[in-house]
Protein backbone atom coordinates (compact mmCIF):
# COMPACT_ATOMS: atom_id res chain seq x y z
CA MET A 1 0.00 0.00 0.00
CA SER A 2 1.98 2.89 -1.26
CA TRP A 3 -0.24 5.57 0.27
CA LEU A 4 0.04 3.88 3.65
CA ASP A 5 3.83 3.67 3.33
CA LYS A 6 3.93 7.37 2.51
CA LEU A 7 1.71 8.25 5.47
CA MET A 8 3.57 6.03 7.93
CA GLY A 9 6.91 7.28 6.66
CA ARG A 10 5.87 10.88 7.12
CA GLY A 11 4.71 10.07 10.64
CA LYS A 12 8.02 8.42 11.49
CA GLN A 13 9.90 11.42 10.16
CA LYS A 14 7.91 13.77 12.37
CA ALA A 15 8.28 11.49 15.39
CA GLY A 16 12.02 11.36 14.75
CA GLU A 17 12.18 15.13 14.56
CA VAL A 18 10.25 15.57 17.80
CA THR A 19 12.25 12.96 19.71
CA GLY A 20 15.59 13.77 18.12
CA ASP A 21 15.89 10.20 16.84
CA SER A 22 17.77 10.56 13.56
CA SER A 23 17.50 6.87 12.69
CA MET A 24 13.69 6.98 12.97
CA LYS A 25 13.62 10.16 10.91
CA ARG A 26 15.82 8.51 8.25
CA GLU A 27 13.72 5.33 8.28
CA GLY A 28 10.58 7.40 7.80
CA MET A 29 12.12 9.29 4.89
CA HIS A 30 13.05 6.04 3.17
CA GLN A 31 9.61 4.53 3.79
CA GLU A 32 7.91 7.61 2.34
CA GLN A 33 10.21 7.54 -0.70
CA GLU A 34 9.48 3.84 -1.19
CA GLY A 35 5.75 4.59 -1.19
CA MET A 36 6.22 7.36 -3.74
CA ALA A 37 8.30 5.11 -5.98
CA THR A 38 5.66 2.38 -5.76
CA GLU A 39 2.97 4.87 -6.78
CA ARG A 40 5.04 6.00 -9.77
CA ALA A 41 5.60 2.39 -10.83
CA GLU A 42 1.89 1.58 -10.52
CA SER A 43 1.01 4.65 -12.55
CA ALA A 44 3.51 3.71 -15.26
CA GLU A 45 2.13 0.16 -15.37
CA GLN A 46 -1.41 1.50 -15.72
CA MET A 47 -0.37 3.86 -18.53
CA ALA A 48 1.42 1.01 -20.30
CA GLN A 49 -1.69 -1.18 -20.07
CA GLU A 50 -3.84 1.61 -21.48
CA GLU A 51 -1.42 2.04 -24.38
CA ARG A 52 -1.47 -1.70 -25.08
CA GLU A 53 -5.27 -1.57 -25.16
CA ARG A 54 -5.20 1.39 -27.58
CA ALA A 55 -2.74 -0.45 -29.79
CA ALA A 56 -5.00 -3.50 -29.82
CA GLU A 57 -7.98 -1.33 -30.78
CA HIS A 58 -6.02 0.17 -33.68
CA ARG A 59 -4.90 -3.30 -34.78
CA VAL A 60 -8.54 -4.45 -34.85
CA GLU A 61 -9.58 -1.37 -36.81
CA ARG A 62 -6.70 -1.84 -39.26
CA ASP A 63 -7.54 -5.51 -39.79
CA GLN A 64 -11.22 -4.78 -40.34
CA THR A 65 -10.59 -2.12 -42.95
CA PRO A 66 -10.90 -3.55 -46.48
């Protein structure tokens, strides 16, 4: 769950700032970045699937044209 990773990471960063725990702050930053990267990957996969579907539609249209 990328949005949950982002949220939890942000919370850890803030907790680390408040408590002065640099390792928790760093862990939170990495967890948030991981969530963001996962979201970007999911978005790219969705865009790729949409493009494959458009290509298939064009292929069908091309093949049906006399």
